[in-house]
Amino acid sequence: MSQVVFASANPGKIKELQELLSPLGLVVVAQGEFSISSVDETAHTFVENALLKARHASKISGLPSIADDSGLEVDFLKGAPGLYSARHAERHGKGSGDVANYEFLLEQLDGLADAQRTARFRSVVVYLRHEFDPSPIIAEGAWEGHILHAPEGEGGFGYDPVFCNHDTMSPTALLSPETKNKLSHRGKAVAEMVKQLSARAK
């Protein structure tokens, strides 16, 4: 089994990624296992942020690395919170953490009909063989849906309790991990990355 360092401290993402990559014989190790601190996400796109994180993790660990950058894009908010999804409430002085983030989002959309609450999760996943890999694998995925009027369900993480995905027309927090991995933005991006990794290995 080969190790790959994942440039994240998010336990939900780490668990999802391990389940998705296990068929390739890859063991996902969180960057914290190598005492790697998070790098400042100073870029202006998901792709650039993911590459920043992957290079940082690979440089310190000496291992191949995977990083993702993802976020929720709400059409009524012109794509916000986007890159700042994890810090949406904090940036507006509304607290921090998952619950604060989705409660602030619900406040911003208060009174809007479902047709005005369209949104999508977007994910970019990158794989580097080493810090200076000149041809990283870059894969993307999107998951269309709309924002609910109130949270529902206790599964998942982040904005899952308030995101109604349009594949099952149900709150994402009610999906099983297996279903979410098949349908989600990250699941799609990782599936594309796995396809590219498999082709590269032939």
C-alpha atoms as a PDB file:
ATOM      1  CA  MET A   1       0.000   0.000   0.000  1.00  0.00           C
ATOM      2  CA  SER A   2       1.436   3.391  -0.977  1.00  0.00           C
ATOM      3  CA  GLN A   3       1.028   6.457   1.169  1.00  0.00           C
ATOM      4  CA  VAL A   4      -0.153   9.801  -0.096  1.00  0.00           C
ATOM      5  CA  VAL A   5      -0.343  12.860   2.106  1.00  0.00           C
ATOM      6  CA  PHE A   6      -3.603  14.760   2.065  1.00  0.00           C
ATOM      7  CA  ALA A   7      -3.206  18.487   2.607  1.00  0.00           C
ATOM      8  CA  SER A   8      -6.143  18.904   4.952  1.00  0.00           C
ATOM      9  CA  ALA A   9      -7.024  18.694   8.618  1.00  0.00           C
ATOM     10  CA  ASN A  10     -10.744  18.245   7.913  1.00  0.00           C
ATOM     11  CA  PRO A  11     -11.713  14.789   9.257  1.00  0.00           C
ATOM     12  CA  GLY A  12     -14.798  14.618   7.052  1.00  0.00           C
ATOM     13  CA  LYS A  13     -12.784  15.180   3.892  1.00  0.00           C
ATOM     14  CA  ILE A  14     -10.067  12.740   4.988  1.00  0.00           C
ATOM     15  CA  LYS A  15     -12.592   9.964   5.595  1.00  0.00           C
ATOM     16  CA  GLU A  16     -14.309  10.588   2.257  1.00  0.00           C
ATOM     17  CA  LEU A  17     -11.011  10.598   0.356  1.00  0.00           C
ATOM     18  CA  GLN A  18      -9.768   7.377   1.972  1.00  0.00           C
ATOM     19  CA  GLU A  19     -12.965   5.597   0.964  1.00  0.00           C
ATOM     20  CA  LEU A  20     -12.659   6.872  -2.598  1.00  0.00           C
ATOM     21  CA  LEU A  21      -8.957   6.037  -3.035  1.00  0.00           C
ATOM     22  CA  SER A  22      -8.792   2.662  -1.295  1.00  0.00           C
ATOM     23  CA  PRO A  23      -9.483   0.729  -4.558  1.00  0.00           C
ATOM     24  CA  LEU A  24      -6.183   2.115  -5.916  1.00  0.00           C
ATOM     25  CA  GLY A  25      -4.240   0.769  -2.957  1.00  0.00           C
ATOM     26  CA  LEU A  26      -3.476   4.239  -1.653  1.00  0.00           C
ATOM     27  CA  VAL A  27      -3.402   5.005   2.043  1.00  0.00           C
ATOM     28  CA  VAL A  28      -4.361   8.596   2.764  1.00  0.00           C
ATOM     29  CA  VAL A  29      -2.357  10.167   5.571  1.00  0.00           C
ATOM     30  CA  ALA A  30      -3.457  13.543   6.924  1.00  0.00           C
ATOM     31  CA  GLN A  31      -0.777  16.214   6.825  1.00  0.00           C
ATOM     32  CA  GLY A  32      -1.047  16.555  10.592  1.00  0.00           C
ATOM     33  CA  GLU A  33       0.593  13.131  10.941  1.00  0.00           C
ATOM     34  CA  PHE A  34       3.742  14.805   9.621  1.00  0.00           C
ATOM     35  CA  SER A  35       3.260  17.909  11.782  1.00  0.00           C
ATOM     36  CA  ILE A  36       2.551  19.903   8.633  1.00  0.00           C
ATOM     37  CA  SER A  37       0.690  23.098   9.354  1.00  0.00           C
ATOM     38  CA  SER A  38      -1.835  24.542   6.947  1.00  0.00           C
ATOM     39  CA  VAL A  39      -0.413  26.865   4.316  1.00  0.00           C
ATOM     40  CA  ASP A  40      -1.939  30.303   3.779  1.00  0.00           C
ATOM     41  CA  GLU A  41      -4.489  30.100   0.958  1.00  0.00           C
ATOM     42  CA  THR A  42      -3.501  33.303  -0.794  1.00  0.00           C
ATOM     43  CA  ALA A  43      -4.613  32.443  -4.331  1.00  0.00           C
ATOM     44  CA  HIS A  44      -7.777  33.649  -6.045  1.00  0.00           C
ATOM     45  CA  THR A  45      -9.022  30.394  -7.583  1.00  0.00           C
ATOM     46  CA  PHE A  46      -9.783  26.895  -6.354  1.00  0.00           C
ATOM     47  CA  VAL A  47      -7.096  25.422  -8.648  1.00  0.00           C
ATOM     48  CA  GLU A  48      -4.334  27.724  -7.429  1.00  0.00           C
ATOM     49  CA  ASN A  49      -5.221  27.195  -3.781  1.00  0.00           C
ATOM     50  CA  ALA A  50      -5.228  23.414  -4.197  1.00  0.00           C
ATOM     51  CA  LEU A  51      -1.798  23.507  -5.852  1.00  0.00           C
ATOM     52  CA  LEU A  52      -0.421  25.712  -3.061  1.00  0.00           C
ATOM     53  CA  LYS A  53      -1.586  23.226  -0.445  1.00  0.00           C
ATOM     54  CA  ALA A  54      -0.373  20.151  -2.332  1.00  0.00           C
ATOM     55  CA  ARG A  55       3.117  21.564  -2.959  1.00  0.00           C
ATOM     56  CA  HIS A  56       3.479  22.550   0.684  1.00  0.00           C
ATOM     57  CA  ALA A  57       2.481  19.080   1.914  1.00  0.00           C
ATOM     58  CA  SER A  58       4.691  17.263  -0.583  1.00  0.00           C
ATOM     59  CA  LYS A  59       7.707  19.463   0.164  1.00  0.00           C
ATOM     60  CA  ILE A  60       7.616  18.728   3.898  1.00  0.00           C
ATOM     61  CA  SER A  61       6.527  15.068   3.808  1.00  0.00           C
ATOM     62  CA  GLY A  62       8.537  13.957   0.791  1.00  0.00           C
ATOM     63  CA  LEU A  63       5.481  12.004  -0.380  1.00  0.00           C
ATOM     64  CA  PRO A  64       3.066  12.376  -3.266  1.00  0.00           C
ATOM     65  CA  SER A  65       0.301  14.699  -2.212  1.00  0.00           C
ATOM     66  CA  ILE A  66      -3.353  15.380  -2.809  1.00  0.00           C
ATOM     67  CA  ALA A  67      -5.129  18.617  -2.026  1.00  0.00           C
ATOM     68  CA  ASP A  68      -8.556  19.910  -2.740  1.00  0.00           C
ATOM     69  CA  ASP A  69     -10.109  23.296  -2.630  1.00  0.00           C
ATOM     70  CA  SER A  70     -13.838  23.474  -2.662  1.00  0.00           C
ATOM     71  CA  GLY A  71     -16.675  25.726  -1.791  1.00  0.00           C
ATOM     72  CA  LEU A  72     -20.317  26.606  -2.137  1.00  0.00           C
ATOM     73  CA  GLU A  73     -21.359  29.000  -4.880  1.00  0.00           C
ATOM     74  CA  VAL A  74     -24.748  30.656  -4.362  1.00  0.00           C
ATOM     75  CA  ASP A  75     -26.100  32.366  -7.473  1.00  0.00           C
ATOM     76  CA  PHE A  76     -28.048  35.056  -5.591  1.00  0.00           C
ATOM     77  CA  LEU A  77     -24.787  36.015  -3.811  1.00  0.00           C
ATOM     78  CA  LYS A  78     -22.894  36.170  -7.135  1.00  0.00           C
ATOM     79  CA  GLY A  79     -20.885  33.043  -6.372  1.00  0.00           C
ATOM     80  CA  ALA A  80     -20.235  33.727  -2.693  1.00  0.00           C
ATOM     81  CA  PRO A  81     -19.179  32.321  -0.319  1.00  0.00           C
ATOM     82  CA  GLY A  82     -16.999  30.500  -2.874  1.00  0.00           C
ATOM     83  CA  LEU A  83     -13.325  30.441  -1.864  1.00  0.00           C
ATOM     84  CA  TYR A  84     -14.272  31.671   1.594  1.00  0.00           C
ATOM     85  CA  SER A  85     -16.938  29.056   2.344  1.00  0.00           C
ATOM     86  CA  ALA A  86     -15.169  27.736   5.458  1.00  0.00           C
ATOM     87  CA  ARG A  87     -14.822  31.242   6.888  1.00  0.00           C
ATOM     88  CA  HIS A  88     -18.028  32.809   5.588  1.00  0.00           C
ATOM     89  CA  ALA A  89     -19.559  33.738   8.945  1.00  0.00           C
ATOM     90  CA  GLU A  90     -16.228  34.673  10.512  1.00  0.00           C
ATOM     91  CA  ARG A  91     -15.434  37.147   7.734  1.00  0.00           C
ATOM     92  CA  HIS A  92     -18.684  38.942   8.517  1.00  0.00           C
ATOM     93  CA  GLY A  93     -18.323  38.923  12.288  1.00  0.00           C
ATOM     94  CA  LYS A  94     -20.944  36.200  12.696  1.00  0.00           C
ATOM     95  CA  GLY A  95     -18.927  33.590  14.572  1.00  0.00           C
ATOM     96  CA  SER A  96     -17.089  30.583  13.164  1.00  0.00           C
ATOM     97  CA  GLY A  97     -17.640  26.940  12.374  1.00  0.00           C
ATOM     98  CA  ASP A  98     -20.075  24.948  10.262  1.00  0.00           C
ATOM     99  CA  VAL A  99     -23.250  25.937  12.093  1.00  0.00           C
ATOM    100  CA  ALA A 100     -22.360  29.625  12.124  1.00  0.00           C
ATOM    101  CA  ASN A 101     -21.602  29.458   8.399  1.00  0.00           C
ATOM    102  CA  TYR A 102     -24.889  27.945   7.320  1.00  0.00           C
ATOM    103  CA  GLU A 103     -26.952  29.990   9.747  1.00  0.00           C
ATOM    104  CA  PHE A 104     -25.441  33.177   8.321  1.00  0.00           C
ATOM    105  CA  LEU A 105     -26.130  31.924   4.793  1.00  0.00           C
ATOM    106  CA  LEU A 106     -29.773  31.263   5.693  1.00  0.00           C
ATOM    107  CA  GLU A 107     -29.949  34.782   7.105  1.00  0.00           C
ATOM    108  CA  GLN A 108     -28.628  36.206   3.816  1.00  0.00           C
ATOM    109  CA  LEU A 109     -31.237  34.303   1.807  1.00  0.00           C
ATOM    110  CA  ASP A 110     -34.138  34.817   4.191  1.00  0.00           C
ATOM    111  CA  GLY A 111     -37.447  35.239   2.378  1.00  0.00           C
ATOM    112  CA  LEU A 112     -36.236  34.113  -1.042  1.00  0.00           C
ATOM    113  CA  ALA A 113     -38.185  31.496  -2.998  1.00  0.00           C
ATOM    114  CA  ASP A 114     -36.525  28.214  -3.973  1.00  0.00           C
ATOM    115  CA  ALA A 115     -36.019  29.458  -7.541  1.00  0.00           C
ATOM    116  CA  GLN A 116     -33.774  32.227  -6.192  1.00  0.00           C
ATOM    117  CA  ARG A 117     -31.773  29.894  -3.945  1.00  0.00           C
ATOM    118  CA  THR A 118     -29.891  27.946  -6.625  1.00  0.00           C
ATOM    119  CA  ALA A 119     -26.364  26.942  -5.705  1.00  0.00           C
ATOM    120  CA  ARG A 120     -23.661  24.378  -6.330  1.00  0.00           C
ATOM    121  CA  PHE A 121     -20.759  22.824  -4.560  1.00  0.00           C
ATOM    122  CA  ARG A 122     -17.562  22.993  -6.606  1.00  0.00           C
ATOM    123  CA  SER A 123     -14.380  21.024  -5.981  1.00  0.00           C
ATOM    124  CA  VAL A 124     -10.922  20.971  -7.527  1.00  0.00           C
ATOM    125  CA  VAL A 125      -8.631  18.093  -6.569  1.00  0.00           C
ATOM    126  CA  VAL A 126      -4.947  17.986  -7.505  1.00  0.00           C
ATOM    127  CA  TYR A 127      -2.352  15.217  -7.270  1.00  0.00           C
ATOM    128  CA  LEU A 128       1.398  15.871  -7.256  1.00  0.00           C
ATOM    129  CA  ARG A 129       4.029  13.148  -7.518  1.00  0.00           C
ATOM    130  CA  HIS A 130       6.452  15.493  -5.797  1.00  0.00           C
ATOM    131  CA  GLU A 131       6.823  19.169  -4.942  1.00  0.00           C
ATOM    132  CA  PHE A 132       8.067  20.157  -8.392  1.00  0.00           C
ATOM    133  CA  ASP A 133       5.801  17.889 -10.440  1.00  0.00           C
ATOM    134  CA  PRO A 134       5.542  19.722 -13.804  1.00  0.00           C
ATOM    135  CA  SER A 135       2.353  17.925 -14.819  1.00  0.00           C
ATOM    136  CA  PRO A 136       0.009  17.652 -11.839  1.00  0.00           C
ATOM    137  CA  ILE A 137      -3.277  15.881 -12.209  1.00  0.00           C
ATOM    138  CA  ILE A 138      -6.090  18.414 -11.901  1.00  0.00           C
ATOM    139  CA  ALA A 139      -9.689  17.254 -11.706  1.00  0.00           C
ATOM    140  CA  GLU A 140     -12.910  19.167 -11.107  1.00  0.00           C
ATOM    141  CA  GLY A 141     -16.446  18.378 -10.070  1.00  0.00           C
ATOM    142  CA  ALA A 142     -19.665  20.311  -9.442  1.00  0.00           C
ATOM    143  CA  TRP A 143     -22.911  19.398  -7.677  1.00  0.00           C
ATOM    144  CA  GLU A 144     -26.032  21.387  -8.457  1.00  0.00           C
ATOM    145  CA  GLY A 145     -28.755  22.131  -5.941  1.00  0.00           C
ATOM    146  CA  HIS A 146     -30.433  24.864  -3.933  1.00  0.00           C
ATOM    147  CA  ILE A 147     -30.310  26.182  -0.388  1.00  0.00           C
ATOM    148  CA  LEU A 148     -33.033  24.994   1.952  1.00  0.00           C
ATOM    149  CA  HIS A 149     -34.964  27.320   4.260  1.00  0.00           C
ATOM    150  CA  ALA A 150     -33.830  25.464   7.394  1.00  0.00           C
ATOM    151  CA  PRO A 151     -31.209  22.807   8.208  1.00  0.00           C
ATOM    152  CA  GLU A 152     -32.232  19.165   7.979  1.00  0.00           C
ATOM    153  CA  GLY A 153     -30.248  16.042   8.883  1.00  0.00           C
ATOM    154  CA  GLU A 154     -27.107  15.452  10.891  1.00  0.00           C
ATOM    155  CA  GLY A 155     -24.848  13.671   8.398  1.00  0.00           C
ATOM    156  CA  GLY A 156     -21.976  15.098   6.408  1.00  0.00           C
ATOM    157  CA  PHE A 157     -20.320  18.360   7.338  1.00  0.00           C
ATOM    158  CA  GLY A 158     -20.071  21.980   6.276  1.00  0.00           C
ATOM    159  CA  TYR A 159     -23.170  23.212   4.439  1.00  0.00           C
ATOM    160  CA  ASP A 160     -24.643  19.717   3.950  1.00  0.00           C
ATOM    161  CA  PRO A 161     -27.642  20.335   6.276  1.00  0.00           C
ATOM    162  CA  VAL A 162     -28.854  23.268   4.161  1.00  0.00           C
ATOM    163  CA  PHE A 163     -27.992  22.032   0.656  1.00  0.00           C
ATOM    164  CA  CYS A 164     -30.699  20.198  -1.263  1.00  0.00           C
ATOM    165  CA  ASN A 165     -28.927  18.384  -4.075  1.00  0.00           C
ATOM    166  CA  HIS A 166     -30.762  18.042  -7.365  1.00  0.00           C
ATOM    167  CA  ASP A 167     -29.748  14.417  -7.941  1.00  0.00           C
ATOM    168  CA  THR A 168     -31.890  13.035  -5.128  1.00  0.00           C
ATOM    169  CA  MET A 169     -33.825  16.257  -4.355  1.00  0.00           C
ATOM    170  CA  SER A 170     -33.060  15.721  -0.685  1.00  0.00           C
ATOM    171  CA  PRO A 171     -30.891  17.419   1.952  1.00  0.00           C
ATOM    172  CA  THR A 172     -27.304  16.297   1.533  1.00  0.00           C
ATOM    173  CA  ALA A 173     -27.000  15.680   5.281  1.00  0.00           C
ATOM    174  CA  LEU A 174     -29.536  12.838   4.929  1.00  0.00           C
ATOM    175  CA  LEU A 175     -27.506  10.893   2.350  1.00  0.00           C
ATOM    176  CA  SER A 176     -25.451   7.846   3.243  1.00  0.00           C
ATOM    177  CA  PRO A 177     -21.674   8.311   2.871  1.00  0.00           C
ATOM    178  CA  GLU A 178     -21.705   5.873  -0.055  1.00  0.00           C
ATOM    179  CA  THR A 179     -24.390   7.828  -1.926  1.00  0.00           C
ATOM    180  CA  LYS A 180     -22.737  11.141  -1.201  1.00  0.00           C
ATOM    181  CA  ASN A 181     -19.367   9.880  -2.463  1.00  0.00           C
ATOM    182  CA  LYS A 182     -20.972   8.857  -5.768  1.00  0.00           C
ATOM    183  CA  LEU A 183     -22.871  12.077  -6.355  1.00  0.00           C
ATOM    184  CA  SER A 184     -20.905  14.874  -4.700  1.00  0.00           C
ATOM    185  CA  HIS A 185     -18.644  17.474  -6.257  1.00  0.00           C
ATOM    186  CA  ARG A 186     -15.655  15.949  -4.454  1.00  0.00           C
ATOM    187  CA  GLY A 187     -16.702  12.448  -5.427  1.00  0.00           C
ATOM    188  CA  LYS A 188     -16.845  13.484  -9.085  1.00  0.00           C
ATOM    189  CA  ALA A 189     -13.480  15.262  -8.905  1.00  0.00           C
ATOM    190  CA  VAL A 190     -11.783  12.350  -7.130  1.00  0.00           C
ATOM    191  CA  ALA A 191     -13.330   9.847  -9.579  1.00  0.00           C
ATOM    192  CA  GLU A 192     -11.843  11.862 -12.435  1.00  0.00           C
ATOM    193  CA  MET A 193      -8.486  11.989 -10.607  1.00  0.00           C
ATOM    194  CA  VAL A 194      -8.583   8.213 -10.069  1.00  0.00           C
ATOM    195  CA  LYS A 195      -9.279   7.721 -13.778  1.00  0.00           C
ATOM    196  CA  GLN A 196      -6.274   9.870 -14.670  1.00  0.00           C
ATOM    197  CA  LEU A 197      -4.065   8.140 -12.079  1.00  0.00           C
ATOM    198  CA  SER A 198      -5.050   4.727 -13.443  1.00  0.00           C
ATOM    199  CA  ALA A 199      -4.289   5.803 -17.003  1.00  0.00           C
ATOM    200  CA  ARG A 200      -0.914   7.180 -15.926  1.00  0.00           C
ATOM    201  CA  ALA A 201      -0.042   3.890 -14.200  1.00  0.00           C
ATOM    202  CA  LYS A 202      -0.580   1.813 -17.372  1.00  0.00           C
END
